[in-house]
Amino acid sequence: MAEFGNIAEHMEVVGSDGGHVGTVDHLDGRRIKLTRTDPAAGGEHHYIHVDSIASVDDKVRLNRTADQAKDEWGVESVG
């Protein structure tokens, strides 16, 4: 697992294939909470566990493809 202390609000999250997964809302314990306003989110908050992080630079890069990450993410419905 990569160091995740330098994850910042509004960073893009991408899969190992470079595919867009979402946008960071904030860290929530050992999970990244993604914004619900991102086009990929469908109006819901999604969560990615920090164990899925491969690296962090200008983006949060995951150790799985975008499709795999979306299959695994946790969901928090709004409304």
Protein backbone atom coordinates (compact mmCIF):
# COMPACT_ATOMS: atom_id res chain seq x y z
CA MET A 1 0.00 0.00 0.00
CA ALA A 2 1.24 3.47 -0.85
CA GLU A 3 1.51 6.35 1.60
CA PHE A 4 -1.84 8.10 1.64
CA GLY A 5 -1.20 11.10 3.90
CA ASN A 6 -0.68 13.40 0.92
CA ILE A 7 -4.13 12.78 -0.57
CA ALA A 8 -5.92 16.09 -0.98
CA GLU A 9 -9.48 17.19 -1.63
CA HIS A 10 -10.42 17.33 -5.33
CA MET A 11 -7.59 15.03 -6.51
CA GLU A 12 -8.56 12.77 -9.38
CA VAL A 13 -8.64 9.02 -8.64
CA VAL A 14 -7.64 6.78 -11.55
CA GLY A 15 -7.38 3.04 -12.08
CA SER A 16 -4.22 1.18 -13.06
CA ASP A 17 -5.48 1.44 -16.64
CA GLY A 18 -5.65 5.25 -16.39
CA GLY A 19 -9.46 5.21 -16.33
CA HIS A 20 -11.27 7.83 -14.27
CA VAL A 21 -12.76 6.47 -11.02
CA GLY A 22 -13.75 9.66 -9.21
CA THR A 23 -12.69 12.76 -7.32
CA VAL A 24 -11.55 12.83 -3.70
CA ASP A 25 -13.98 14.42 -1.25
CA HIS A 26 -11.86 13.56 1.81
CA LEU A 27 -10.22 10.75 3.76
CA ASP A 28 -12.66 8.95 6.04
CA GLY A 29 -10.57 6.73 8.28
CA ARG A 30 -8.90 4.17 6.00
CA ARG A 31 -11.17 4.95 3.07
CA ILE A 32 -11.25 7.66 0.45
CA LYS A 33 -14.68 9.22 0.19
CA LEU A 34 -15.35 10.30 -3.38
CA THR A 35 -17.48 13.30 -4.30
CA ARG A 36 -21.05 12.57 -5.30
CA THR A 37 -20.99 15.41 -7.85
CA ASP A 38 -18.38 13.68 -10.04
CA PRO A 39 -19.96 12.48 -13.30
CA ALA A 40 -18.84 8.89 -12.51
CA ALA A 41 -20.57 8.91 -9.12
CA GLY A 42 -24.20 8.87 -10.19
CA GLY A 43 -25.15 11.27 -7.38
CA GLU A 44 -23.87 8.98 -4.61
CA HIS A 45 -20.80 9.05 -2.37
CA HIS A 46 -18.51 6.10 -3.06
CA TYR A 47 -15.63 4.78 -0.96
CA ILE A 48 -12.30 3.28 -1.97
CA HIS A 49 -10.22 1.52 0.72
CA VAL A 50 -6.67 2.84 1.05
CA ASP A 51 -5.33 -0.69 0.39
CA SER A 52 -6.33 -0.05 -3.24
CA ILE A 53 -3.83 2.80 -3.60
CA ALA A 54 -0.73 2.10 -5.68
CA SER A 55 0.71 5.63 -5.59
CA VAL A 56 -0.14 9.28 -5.05
CA ASP A 57 1.33 12.10 -7.10
CA ASP A 58 -0.86 14.66 -8.84
CA LYS A 59 -3.53 11.91 -8.85
CA VAL A 60 -4.47 9.00 -6.64
CA ARG A 61 -3.48 5.93 -8.65
CA LEU A 62 -5.05 2.59 -7.78
CA ASN A 63 -3.64 -0.93 -8.03
CA ARG A 64 -6.74 -2.13 -9.92
CA THR A 65 -8.47 -0.99 -13.08
CA ALA A 66 -11.18 1.66 -12.98
CA ASP A 67 -13.84 -0.99 -13.66
CA GLN A 68 -12.53 -3.23 -10.85
CA ALA A 69 -12.50 -0.29 -8.43
CA LYS A 70 -16.09 0.63 -9.33
CA ASP A 71 -17.17 -3.01 -8.84
CA GLU A 72 -15.66 -2.95 -5.34
CA TRP A 73 -16.50 0.52 -4.06
CA GLY A 74 -18.81 1.04 -1.13
CA VAL A 75 -21.84 3.28 -1.66
CA GLU A 76 -23.58 5.82 0.56
CA SER A 77 -26.91 6.84 -0.90
CA VAL A 78 -27.99 10.44 -0.58
CA GLY A 79 -31.62 11.34 0.04
